Amino acid sequence: MTLNLTPTQILAGVGVLLTLFMVWRYSARKAQRAADKARASARVVSLAGRVLFTGAVFTGIQWLVITHMNNPTLVLVVLGLPDMIAAYVLTRALTVTSLDTTTRRGGDRR
């Protein structure tokens, strides 16, 4: 069995293969960008949940100490300690120390 293809048919086949390859690469990059965006939004939601939970714990402990204790030193510690922790966390959160970047493979350009 012999195939007899004209140069036009060969060029058309190569063009179709090249187009399919380019579409595949484009869709892979688009999927990667979508995954990166989803990860970033999940981080924000997770952080918000942790902040709300920690705030509720601090508030509950402060309420217990203030309503059931008469020791002024203990009240000052219970009110001051969360402020110190919050100041530390805010300072760390607002200070940029590194960039969240993904590793690139080969000669992939951005």
PDB file of N, CA and C in Angstrom:
ATOM      1  N   MET A   1       0.843  -1.170   0.000  1.00  0.00           N
ATOM      2  CA  MET A   1       0.000   0.000   0.000  1.00  0.00           C
ATOM      3  C   MET A   1       0.890   1.235   0.000  1.00  0.00           C
ATOM      4  N   THR A   2       0.684   2.074  -0.956  1.00  0.00           N
ATOM      5  CA  THR A   2       1.494   3.268  -1.112  1.00  0.00           C
ATOM      6  C   THR A   2       0.606   4.494  -0.966  1.00  0.00           C
ATOM      7  N   LEU A   3       1.122   5.458  -0.220  1.00  0.00           N
ATOM      8  CA  LEU A   3       0.418   6.731  -0.064  1.00  0.00           C
ATOM      9  C   LEU A   3       1.007   7.732  -1.043  1.00  0.00           C
ATOM     10  N   ASN A   4       0.173   8.342  -1.779  1.00  0.00           N
ATOM     11  CA  ASN A   4       0.625   9.378  -2.699  1.00  0.00           C
ATOM     12  C   ASN A   4      -0.006  10.696  -2.273  1.00  0.00           C
ATOM     13  N   LEU A   5       0.788  11.499  -1.593  1.00  0.00           N
ATOM     14  CA  LEU A   5       0.301  12.789  -1.105  1.00  0.00           C
ATOM     15  C   LEU A   5       0.989  13.909  -1.873  1.00  0.00           C
ATOM     16  N   THR A   6       0.221  14.919  -2.162  1.00  0.00           N
ATOM     17  CA  THR A   6       0.790  16.095  -2.813  1.00  0.00           C
ATOM     18  C   THR A   6       1.408  16.992  -1.755  1.00  0.00           C
ATOM     19  N   PRO A   7       2.302  17.874  -2.143  1.00  0.00           N
ATOM     20  CA  PRO A   7       2.879  18.814  -1.167  1.00  0.00           C
ATOM     21  C   PRO A   7       1.812  19.664  -0.471  1.00  0.00           C
ATOM     22  N   THR A   8       0.743  20.001  -1.154  1.00  0.00           N
ATOM     23  CA  THR A   8      -0.333  20.785  -0.543  1.00  0.00           C
ATOM     24  C   THR A   8      -1.010  19.992   0.566  1.00  0.00           C
ATOM     25  N   GLN A   9      -1.241  18.708   0.342  1.00  0.00           N
ATOM     26  CA  GLN A   9      -1.862  17.872   1.356  1.00  0.00           C
ATOM     27  C   GLN A   9      -0.949  17.704   2.568  1.00  0.00           C
ATOM     28  N   ILE A  10       0.335  17.567   2.333  1.00  0.00           N
ATOM     29  CA  ILE A  10       1.294  17.445   3.443  1.00  0.00           C
ATOM     30  C   ILE A  10       1.320  18.736   4.263  1.00  0.00           C
ATOM     31  N   LEU A  11       1.375  19.885   3.592  1.00  0.00           N
ATOM     32  CA  LEU A  11       1.363  21.167   4.305  1.00  0.00           C
ATOM     33  C   LEU A  11       0.062  21.355   5.081  1.00  0.00           C
ATOM     34  N   ALA A  12      -1.058  20.947   4.506  1.00  0.00           N
ATOM     35  CA  ALA A  12      -2.338  21.060   5.207  1.00  0.00           C
ATOM     36  C   ALA A  12      -2.338  20.178   6.455  1.00  0.00           C
ATOM     37  N   GLY A  13      -1.806  18.972   6.364  1.00  0.00           N
ATOM     38  CA  GLY A  13      -1.725  18.074   7.521  1.00  0.00           C
ATOM     39  C   GLY A  13      -0.835  18.637   8.612  1.00  0.00           C
ATOM     40  N   VAL A  14       0.316  19.165   8.218  1.00  0.00           N
ATOM     41  CA  VAL A  14       1.227  19.776   9.196  1.00  0.00           C
ATOM     42  C   VAL A  14       0.555  20.989   9.851  1.00  0.00           C
ATOM     43  N   GLY A  15      -0.162  21.772   9.070  1.00  0.00           N
ATOM     44  CA  GLY A  15      -0.871  22.933   9.608  1.00  0.00           C
ATOM     45  C   GLY A  15      -1.938  22.540  10.616  1.00  0.00           C
ATOM     46  N   VAL A  16      -2.678  21.485  10.320  1.00  0.00           N
ATOM     47  CA  VAL A  16      -3.702  20.994  11.250  1.00  0.00           C
ATOM     48  C   VAL A  16      -3.050  20.511  12.543  1.00  0.00           C
ATOM     49  N   LEU A  17      -1.975  19.763  12.436  1.00  0.00           N
ATOM     50  CA  LEU A  17      -1.268  19.289  13.630  1.00  0.00           C
ATOM     51  C   LEU A  17      -0.716  20.446  14.456  1.00  0.00           C
ATOM     52  N   LEU A  18      -0.148  21.432  13.797  1.00  0.00           N
ATOM     53  CA  LEU A  18       0.372  22.601  14.497  1.00  0.00           C
ATOM     54  C   LEU A  18      -0.744  23.366  15.197  1.00  0.00           C
ATOM     55  N   THR A  19      -1.879  23.511  14.525  1.00  0.00           N
ATOM     56  CA  THR A  19      -3.023  24.198  15.133  1.00  0.00           C
ATOM     57  C   THR A  19      -3.530  23.440  16.349  1.00  0.00           C
ATOM     58  N   LEU A  20      -3.637  22.133  16.250  1.00  0.00           N
ATOM     59  CA  LEU A  20      -4.074  21.327  17.396  1.00  0.00           C
ATOM     60  C   LEU A  20      -3.106  21.455  18.574  1.00  0.00           C
ATOM     61  N   PHE A  21      -1.816  21.464  18.278  1.00  0.00           N
ATOM     62  CA  PHE A  21      -0.822  21.619  19.334  1.00  0.00           C
ATOM     63  C   PHE A  21      -0.941  22.979  20.010  1.00  0.00           C
ATOM     64  N   MET A  22      -1.133  24.036  19.222  1.00  0.00           N
ATOM     65  CA  MET A  22      -1.251  25.384  19.792  1.00  0.00           C
ATOM     66  C   MET A  22      -2.511  25.512  20.640  1.00  0.00           C
ATOM     67  N   VAL A  23      -3.615  24.920  20.214  1.00  0.00           N
ATOM     68  CA  VAL A  23      -4.857  24.956  20.999  1.00  0.00           C
ATOM     69  C   VAL A  23      -4.675  24.193  22.304  1.00  0.00           C
ATOM     70  N   TRP A  24      -3.991  23.058  22.246  1.00  0.00           N
ATOM     71  CA  TRP A  24      -3.738  22.275  23.450  1.00  0.00           C
ATOM     72  C   TRP A  24      -2.897  23.068  24.451  1.00  0.00           C
ATOM     73  N   ARG A  25      -1.849  23.722  23.975  1.00  0.00           N
ATOM     74  CA  ARG A  25      -0.987  24.528  24.857  1.00  0.00           C
ATOM     75  C   ARG A  25      -1.747  25.696  25.468  1.00  0.00           C
ATOM     76  N   TYR A  26      -2.580  26.356  24.661  1.00  0.00           N
ATOM     77  CA  TYR A  26      -3.363  27.486  25.151  1.00  0.00           C
ATOM     78  C   TYR A  26      -4.321  27.033  26.248  1.00  0.00           C
ATOM     79  N   SER A  27      -4.993  25.904  26.038  1.00  0.00           N
ATOM     80  CA  SER A  27      -5.938  25.433  27.047  1.00  0.00           C
ATOM     81  C   SER A  27      -5.222  25.007  28.326  1.00  0.00           C
ATOM     82  N   ALA A  28      -4.039  24.440  28.211  1.00  0.00           N
ATOM     83  CA  ALA A  28      -3.277  24.056  29.397  1.00  0.00           C
ATOM     84  C   ALA A  28      -2.866  25.292  30.196  1.00  0.00           C
ATOM     85  N   ARG A  29      -2.438  26.334  29.525  1.00  0.00           N
ATOM     86  CA  ARG A  29      -2.064  27.571  30.227  1.00  0.00           C
ATOM     87  C   ARG A  29      -3.268  28.234  30.864  1.00  0.00           C
ATOM     88  N   LYS A  30      -4.391  28.222  30.154  1.00  0.00           N
ATOM     89  CA  LYS A  30      -5.614  28.809  30.703  1.00  0.00           C
ATOM     90  C   LYS A  30      -6.067  28.046  31.948  1.00  0.00           C
ATOM     91  N   ALA A  31      -5.973  26.736  31.934  1.00  0.00           N
ATOM     92  CA  ALA A  31      -6.333  25.925  33.100  1.00  0.00           C
ATOM     93  C   ALA A  31      -5.395  26.215  34.271  1.00  0.00           C
ATOM     94  N   GLN A  32      -4.126  26.412  33.991  1.00  0.00           N
ATOM     95  CA  GLN A  32      -3.172  26.733  35.055  1.00  0.00           C
ATOM     96  C   GLN A  32      -3.489  28.077  35.693  1.00  0.00           C
ATOM     97  N   ARG A  33      -3.825  29.075  34.877  1.00  0.00           N
ATOM     98  CA  ARG A  33      -4.202  30.384  35.417  1.00  0.00           C
ATOM     99  C   ARG A  33      -5.458  30.283  36.272  1.00  0.00           C
ATOM    100  N   ALA A  34      -6.431  29.508  35.842  1.00  0.00           N
ATOM    101  CA  ALA A  34      -7.664  29.325  36.614  1.00  0.00           C
ATOM    102  C   ALA A  34      -7.371  28.637  37.949  1.00  0.00           C
ATOM    103  N   ALA A  35      -6.493  27.660  37.944  1.00  0.00           N
ATOM    104  CA  ALA A  35      -6.129  26.971  39.184  1.00  0.00           C
ATOM    105  C   ALA A  35      -5.411  27.919  40.141  1.00  0.00           C
ATOM    106  N   ASP A  36      -4.539  28.778  39.626  1.00  0.00           N
ATOM    107  CA  ASP A  36      -3.845  29.753  40.473  1.00  0.00           C
ATOM    108  C   ASP A  36      -4.829  30.723  41.105  1.00  0.00           C
ATOM    109  N   LYS A  37      -5.814  31.192  40.336  1.00  0.00           N
ATOM    110  CA  LYS A  37      -6.817  32.103  40.885  1.00  0.00           C
ATOM    111  C   LYS A  37      -7.652  31.413  41.955  1.00  0.00           C
ATOM    112  N   ALA A  38      -8.007  30.163  41.735  1.00  0.00           N
ATOM    113  CA  ALA A  38      -8.804  29.424  42.716  1.00  0.00           C
ATOM    114  C   ALA A  38      -8.020  29.240  44.014  1.00  0.00           C
ATOM    115  N   ARG A  39      -6.727  28.949  43.906  1.00  0.00           N
ATOM    116  CA  ARG A  39      -5.900  28.799  45.098  1.00  0.00           C
ATOM    117  C   ARG A  39      -5.817  30.105  45.883  1.00  0.00           C
ATOM    118  N   ALA A  40      -5.663  31.211  45.175  1.00  0.00           N
ATOM    119  CA  ALA A  40      -5.560  32.508  45.851  1.00  0.00           C
ATOM    120  C   ALA A  40      -6.855  32.850  46.577  1.00  0.00           C
ATOM    121  N   SER A  41      -8.008  32.599  45.964  1.00  0.00           N
ATOM    122  CA  SER A  41      -9.269  32.915  46.631  1.00  0.00           C
ATOM    123  C   SER A  41      -9.517  31.974  47.802  1.00  0.00           C
ATOM    124  N   ALA A  42      -9.074  30.729  47.710  1.00  0.00           N
ATOM    125  CA  ALA A  42      -9.238  29.800  48.826  1.00  0.00           C
ATOM    126  C   ALA A  42      -8.396  30.245  50.015  1.00  0.00           C
ATOM    127  N   ARG A  43      -7.231  30.815  49.760  1.00  0.00           N
ATOM    128  CA  ARG A  43      -6.396  31.323  50.849  1.00  0.00           C
ATOM    129  C   ARG A  43      -7.108  32.436  51.599  1.00  0.00           C
ATOM    130  N   VAL A  44      -7.767  33.326  50.863  1.00  0.00           N
ATOM    131  CA  VAL A  44      -8.456  34.451  51.492  1.00  0.00           C
ATOM    132  C   VAL A  44      -9.601  33.958  52.358  1.00  0.00           C
ATOM    133  N   VAL A  45     -10.387  33.017  51.853  1.00  0.00           N
ATOM    134  CA  VAL A  45     -11.521  32.485  52.611  1.00  0.00           C
ATOM    135  C   VAL A  45     -11.027  31.745  53.848  1.00  0.00           C
ATOM    136  N   SER A  46      -9.969  30.967  53.701  1.00  0.00           N
ATOM    137  CA  SER A  46      -9.416  30.237  54.834  1.00  0.00           C
ATOM    138  C   SER A  46      -8.892  31.204  55.893  1.00  0.00           C
ATOM    139  N   LEU A  47      -8.236  32.261  55.476  1.00  0.00           N
ATOM    140  CA  LEU A  47      -7.721  33.248  56.411  1.00  0.00           C
ATOM    141  C   LEU A  47      -8.858  33.938  57.150  1.00  0.00           C
ATOM    142  N   ALA A  48      -9.921  34.288  56.449  1.00  0.00           N
ATOM    143  CA  ALA A  48     -11.059  34.947  57.087  1.00  0.00           C
ATOM    144  C   ALA A  48     -11.683  34.045  58.143  1.00  0.00           C
ATOM    145  N   GLY A  49     -11.812  32.766  57.862  1.00  0.00           N
ATOM    146  CA  GLY A  49     -12.365  31.836  58.844  1.00  0.00           C
ATOM    147  C   GLY A  49     -11.505  31.728  60.086  1.00  0.00           C
ATOM    148  N   ARG A  50     -10.191  31.662  59.884  1.00  0.00           N
ATOM    149  CA  ARG A  50      -9.287  31.580  61.039  1.00  0.00           C
ATOM    150  C   ARG A  50      -9.324  32.850  61.870  1.00  0.00           C
ATOM    151  N   VAL A  51      -9.429  34.004  61.214  1.00  0.00           N
ATOM    152  CA  VAL A  51      -9.500  35.277  61.945  1.00  0.00           C
ATOM    153  C   VAL A  51     -10.779  35.337  62.772  1.00  0.00           C
ATOM    154  N   LEU A  52     -11.905  34.952  62.187  1.00  0.00           N
ATOM    155  CA  LEU A  52     -13.170  34.974  62.926  1.00  0.00           C
ATOM    156  C   LEU A  52     -13.146  34.009  64.106  1.00  0.00           C
ATOM    157  N   PHE A  53     -12.614  32.821  63.915  1.00  0.00           N
ATOM    158  CA  PHE A  53     -12.545  31.850  65.005  1.00  0.00           C
ATOM    159  C   PHE A  53     -11.648  32.354  66.138  1.00  0.00           C
ATOM    160  N   THR A  54     -10.475  32.862  65.796  1.00  0.00           N
ATOM    161  CA  THR A  54      -9.551  33.358  66.818  1.00  0.00           C
ATOM    162  C   THR A  54     -10.144  34.554  67.556  1.00  0.00           C
ATOM    163  N   GLY A  55     -10.810  35.432  66.825  1.00  0.00           N
ATOM    164  CA  GLY A  55     -11.468  36.569  67.475  1.00  0.00           C
ATOM    165  C   GLY A  55     -12.548  36.126  68.442  1.00  0.00           C
ATOM    166  N   ALA A  56     -13.309  35.107  68.072  1.00  0.00           N
ATOM    167  CA  ALA A  56     -14.347  34.591  68.965  1.00  0.00           C
ATOM    168  C   ALA A  56     -13.731  33.971  70.218  1.00  0.00           C
ATOM    169  N   VAL A  57     -12.617  33.256  70.061  1.00  0.00           N
ATOM    170  CA  VAL A  57     -11.944  32.668  71.227  1.00  0.00           C
ATOM    171  C   VAL A  57     -11.430  33.756  72.162  1.00  0.00           C
ATOM    172  N   PHE A  58     -10.768  34.774  71.614  1.00  0.00           N
ATOM    173  CA  PHE A  58     -10.268  35.874  72.444  1.00  0.00           C
ATOM    174  C   PHE A  58     -11.408  36.575  73.170  1.00  0.00           C
ATOM    175  N   THR A  59     -12.486  36.835  72.449  1.00  0.00           N
ATOM    176  CA  THR A  59     -13.628  37.521  73.063  1.00  0.00           C
ATOM    177  C   THR A  59     -14.232  36.680  74.186  1.00  0.00           C
ATOM    178  N   GLY A  60     -14.364  35.387  73.968  1.00  0.00           N
ATOM    179  CA  GLY A  60     -14.920  34.516  75.008  1.00  0.00           C
ATOM    180  C   GLY A  60     -14.056  34.476  76.254  1.00  0.00           C
ATOM    181  N   ILE A  61     -12.751  34.370  76.077  1.00  0.00           N
ATOM    182  CA  ILE A  61     -11.847  34.345  77.233  1.00  0.00           C
ATOM    183  C   ILE A  61     -11.888  35.673  77.970  1.00  0.00           C
ATOM    184  N   GLN A  62     -11.878  36.777  77.245  1.00  0.00           N
ATOM    185  CA  GLN A  62     -11.943  38.089  77.889  1.00  0.00           C
ATOM    186  C   GLN A  62     -13.248  38.251  78.658  1.00  0.00           C
ATOM    187  N   TRP A  63     -14.346  37.838  78.077  1.00  0.00           N
ATOM    188  CA  TRP A  63     -15.637  37.961  78.747  1.00  0.00           C
ATOM    189  C   TRP A  63     -15.650  37.150  80.046  1.00  0.00           C
ATOM    190  N   LEU A  64     -15.120  35.918  79.999  1.00  0.00           N
ATOM    191  CA  LEU A  64     -15.075  35.088  81.205  1.00  0.00           C
ATOM    192  C   LEU A  64     -14.247  35.729  82.309  1.00  0.00           C
ATOM    193  N   VAL A  65     -13.066  36.221  81.965  1.00  0.00           N
ATOM    194  CA  VAL A  65     -12.176  36.802  82.976  1.00  0.00           C
ATOM    195  C   VAL A  65     -12.763  38.091  83.543  1.00  0.00           C
ATOM    196  N   ILE A  66     -13.291  38.941  82.684  1.00  0.00           N
ATOM    197  CA  ILE A  66     -13.811  40.227  83.157  1.00  0.00           C
ATOM    198  C   ILE A  66     -15.047  40.042  84.046  1.00  0.00           C
ATOM    199  N   THR A  67     -15.914  39.099  83.700  1.00  0.00           N
ATOM    200  CA  THR A  67     -17.143  38.932  84.482  1.00  0.00           C
ATOM    201  C   THR A  67     -16.951  38.105  85.741  1.00  0.00           C
ATOM    202  N   HIS A  68     -15.940  37.233  85.809  1.00  0.00           N
ATOM    203  CA  HIS A  68     -15.814  36.332  86.955  1.00  0.00           C
ATOM    204  C   HIS A  68     -14.568  36.557  87.798  1.00  0.00           C
ATOM    205  N   MET A  69     -13.724  37.493  87.481  1.00  0.00           N
ATOM    206  CA  MET A  69     -12.508  37.721  88.261  1.00  0.00           C
ATOM    207  C   MET A  69     -12.466  39.167  88.762  1.00  0.00           C
ATOM    208  N   ASN A  70     -11.865  39.327  89.920  1.00  0.00           N
ATOM    209  CA  ASN A  70     -11.701  40.668  90.485  1.00  0.00           C
ATOM    210  C   ASN A  70     -10.243  41.077  90.565  1.00  0.00           C
ATOM    211  N   ASN A  71      -9.355  40.356  89.925  1.00  0.00           N
ATOM    212  CA  ASN A  71      -7.927  40.637  89.954  1.00  0.00           C
ATOM    213  C   ASN A  71      -7.593  41.601  88.807  1.00  0.00           C
ATOM    214  N   PRO A  72      -7.202  42.854  89.110  1.00  0.00           N
ATOM    215  CA  PRO A  72      -6.925  43.816  88.033  1.00  0.00           C
ATOM    216  C   PRO A  72      -5.729  43.431  87.160  1.00  0.00           C
ATOM    217  N   THR A  73      -4.718  42.771  87.715  1.00  0.00           N
ATOM    218  CA  THR A  73      -3.568  42.358  86.925  1.00  0.00           C
ATOM    219  C   THR A  73      -3.981  41.320  85.884  1.00  0.00           C
ATOM    220  N   LEU A  74      -4.800  40.381  86.280  1.00  0.00           N
ATOM    221  CA  LEU A  74      -5.281  39.363  85.355  1.00  0.00           C
ATOM    222  C   LEU A  74      -6.126  39.986  84.246  1.00  0.00           C
ATOM    223  N   VAL A  75      -6.941  40.970  84.601  1.00  0.00           N
ATOM    224  CA  VAL A  75      -7.764  41.652  83.593  1.00  0.00           C
ATOM    225  C   VAL A  75      -6.868  42.388  82.598  1.00  0.00           C
ATOM    226  N   LEU A  76      -5.820  43.066  83.079  1.00  0.00           N
ATOM    227  CA  LEU A  76      -4.905  43.770  82.176  1.00  0.00           C
ATOM    228  C   LEU A  76      -4.172  42.788  81.245  1.00  0.00           C
ATOM    229  N   VAL A  77      -3.763  41.640  81.771  1.00  0.00           N
ATOM    230  CA  VAL A  77      -3.078  40.653  80.935  1.00  0.00           C
ATOM    231  C   VAL A  77      -4.029  40.116  79.873  1.00  0.00           C
ATOM    232  N   VAL A  78      -5.260  39.816  80.282  1.00  0.00           N
ATOM    233  CA  VAL A  78      -6.224  39.243  79.350  1.00  0.00           C
ATOM    234  C   VAL A  78      -6.603  40.256  78.267  1.00  0.00           C
ATOM    235  N   LEU A  79      -6.633  41.530  78.597  1.00  0.00           N
ATOM    236  CA  LEU A  79      -6.945  42.549  77.596  1.00  0.00           C
ATOM    237  C   LEU A  79      -5.724  42.930  76.761  1.00  0.00           C
ATOM    238  N   GLY A  80      -4.537  42.876  77.335  1.00  0.00           N
ATOM    239  CA  GLY A  80      -3.332  43.307  76.628  1.00  0.00           C
ATOM    240  C   GLY A  80      -2.715  42.245  75.733  1.00  0.00           C
ATOM    241  N   LEU A  81      -2.778  40.983  76.139  1.00  0.00           N
ATOM    242  CA  LEU A  81      -2.165  39.910  75.363  1.00  0.00           C
ATOM    243  C   LEU A  81      -2.750  39.785  73.950  1.00  0.00           C
ATOM    244  N   PRO A  82      -4.069  39.797  73.787  1.00  0.00           N
ATOM    245  CA  PRO A  82      -4.598  39.733  72.410  1.00  0.00           C
ATOM    246  C   PRO A  82      -4.194  40.928  71.560  1.00  0.00           C
ATOM    247  N   ASP A  83      -4.044  42.095  72.191  1.00  0.00           N
ATOM    248  CA  ASP A  83      -3.578  43.270  71.441  1.00  0.00           C
ATOM    249  C   ASP A  83      -2.155  43.068  70.936  1.00  0.00           C
ATOM    250  N   MET A  84      -1.315  42.490  71.754  1.00  0.00           N
ATOM    251  CA  MET A  84       0.060  42.228  71.331  1.00  0.00           C
ATOM    252  C   MET A  84       0.097  41.198  70.197  1.00  0.00           C
ATOM    253  N   ILE A  85      -0.710  40.160  70.322  1.00  0.00           N
ATOM    254  CA  ILE A  85      -0.761  39.144  69.266  1.00  0.00           C
ATOM    255  C   ILE A  85      -1.293  39.751  67.971  1.00  0.00           C
ATOM    256  N   ALA A  86      -2.349  40.561  68.076  1.00  0.00           N
ATOM    257  CA  ALA A  86      -2.925  41.190  66.884  1.00  0.00           C
ATOM    258  C   ALA A  86      -1.915  42.134  66.223  1.00  0.00           C
ATOM    259  N   ALA A  87      -1.175  42.878  67.017  1.00  0.00           N
ATOM    260  CA  ALA A  87      -0.171  43.777  66.457  1.00  0.00           C
ATOM    261  C   ALA A  87       0.920  42.991  65.732  1.00  0.00           C
ATOM    262  N   TYR A  88       1.337  41.885  66.304  1.00  0.00           N
ATOM    263  CA  TYR A  88       2.353  41.049  65.673  1.00  0.00           C
ATOM    264  C   TYR A  88       1.833  40.484  64.347  1.00  0.00           C
ATOM    265  N   VAL A  89       0.620  39.948  64.375  1.00  0.00           N
ATOM    266  CA  VAL A  89       0.052  39.338  63.171  1.00  0.00           C
ATOM    267  C   VAL A  89      -0.145  40.383  62.075  1.00  0.00           C
ATOM    268  N   LEU A  90      -0.654  41.549  62.432  1.00  0.00           N
ATOM    269  CA  LEU A  90      -0.850  42.602  61.431  1.00  0.00           C
ATOM    270  C   LEU A  90       0.477  43.074  60.849  1.00  0.00           C
ATOM    271  N   THR A  91       1.479  43.199  61.691  1.00  0.00           N
ATOM    272  CA  THR A  91       2.791  43.606  61.194  1.00  0.00           C
ATOM    273  C   THR A  91       3.350  42.577  60.227  1.00  0.00           C
ATOM    274  N   ARG A  92       3.215  41.288  60.551  1.00  0.00           N
ATOM    275  CA  ARG A  92       3.684  40.236  59.648  1.00  0.00           C
ATOM    276  C   ARG A  92       2.886  40.210  58.355  1.00  0.00           C
ATOM    277  N   ALA A  93       1.559  40.415  58.466  1.00  0.00           N
ATOM    278  CA  ALA A  93       0.705  40.335  57.279  1.00  0.00           C
ATOM    279  C   ALA A  93       0.949  41.506  56.331  1.00  0.00           C
ATOM    280  N   LEU A  94       1.266  42.662  56.865  1.00  0.00           N
ATOM    281  CA  LEU A  94       1.436  43.841  56.036  1.00  0.00           C
ATOM    282  C   LEU A  94       2.871  44.060  55.584  1.00  0.00           C
ATOM    283  N   THR A  95       3.790  43.224  56.033  1.00  0.00           N
ATOM    284  CA  THR A  95       5.179  43.305  55.617  1.00  0.00           C
ATOM    285  C   THR A  95       5.433  42.247  54.558  1.00  0.00           C
ATOM    286  N   VAL A  96       5.867  42.679  53.387  1.00  0.00           N
ATOM    287  CA  VAL A  96       6.134  41.747  52.299  1.00  0.00           C
ATOM    288  C   VAL A  96       7.534  41.194  52.482  1.00  0.00           C
ATOM    289  N   THR A  97       7.627  39.872  52.689  1.00  0.00           N
ATOM    290  CA  THR A  97       8.938  39.256  52.867  1.00  0.00           C
ATOM    291  C   THR A  97       9.310  38.350  51.708  1.00  0.00           C
ATOM    292  N   SER A  98       8.324  37.832  50.983  1.00  0.00           N
ATOM    293  CA  SER A  98       8.614  36.977  49.840  1.00  0.00           C
ATOM    294  C   SER A  98       7.460  37.073  48.859  1.00  0.00           C
ATOM    295  N   LEU A  99       7.711  36.606  47.645  1.00  0.00           N
ATOM    296  CA  LEU A  99       6.686  36.595  46.621  1.00  0.00           C
ATOM    297  C   LEU A  99       6.204  35.171  46.410  1.00  0.00           C
ATOM    298  N   ASP A 100       4.881  35.001  46.273  1.00  0.00           N
ATOM    299  CA  ASP A 100       4.330  33.692  45.946  1.00  0.00           C
ATOM    300  C   ASP A 100       4.406  33.509  44.442  1.00  0.00           C
ATOM    301  N   THR A 101       5.405  32.795  44.001  1.00  0.00           N
ATOM    302  CA  THR A 101       5.550  32.541  42.573  1.00  0.00           C
ATOM    303  C   THR A 101       5.593  31.042  42.355  1.00  0.00           C
ATOM    304  N   THR A 102       5.146  30.642  41.200  1.00  0.00           N
ATOM    305  CA  THR A 102       5.227  29.232  40.842  1.00  0.00           C
ATOM    306  C   THR A 102       6.508  29.001  40.068  1.00  0.00           C
ATOM    307  N   THR A 103       7.003  27.798  40.142  1.00  0.00           N
ATOM    308  CA  THR A 103       8.218  27.484  39.408  1.00  0.00           C
ATOM    309  C   THR A 103       7.882  27.310  37.933  1.00  0.00           C
ATOM    310  N   ARG A 104       8.797  27.733  37.107  1.00  0.00           N
ATOM    311  CA  ARG A 104       8.594  27.618  35.663  1.00  0.00           C
ATOM    312  C   ARG A 104       9.431  26.472  35.143  1.00  0.00           C
ATOM    313  N   ARG A 105       8.911  25.842  34.131  1.00  0.00           N
ATOM    314  CA  ARG A 105       9.623  24.731  33.515  1.00  0.00           C
ATOM    315  C   ARG A 105      10.282  25.174  32.221  1.00  0.00           C
ATOM    316  N   GLY A 106      11.493  24.783  32.058  1.00  0.00           N
ATOM    317  CA  GLY A 106      12.203  25.023  30.805  1.00  0.00           C
ATOM    318  C   GLY A 106      12.255  26.494  30.445  1.00  0.00           C
ATOM    319  N   GLY A 107      11.888  26.813  29.232  1.00  0.00           N
ATOM    320  CA  GLY A 107      11.943  28.170  28.743  1.00  0.00           C
ATOM    321  C   GLY A 107      10.589  28.846  28.734  1.00  0.00           C
ATOM    322  N   ASP A 108       9.684  28.420  29.605  1.00  0.00           N
ATOM    323  CA  ASP A 108       8.342  29.003  29.658  1.00  0.00           C
ATOM    324  C   ASP A 108       8.436  30.470  30.059  1.00  0.00           C
ATOM    325  N   ARG A 109       7.916  31.341  29.208  1.00  0.00           N
ATOM    326  CA  ARG A 109       7.972  32.763  29.487  1.00  0.00           C
ATOM    327  C   ARG A 109       6.632  33.251  29.975  1.00  0.00           C
ATOM    328  N   ARG A 110       6.670  34.338  30.725  1.00  0.00           N
ATOM    329  CA  ARG A 110       5.425  34.929  31.215  1.00  0.00           C
ATOM    330  C   ARG A 110       5.228  36.289  30.629  1.00  0.00           C
TER     331      ARG A 110
END
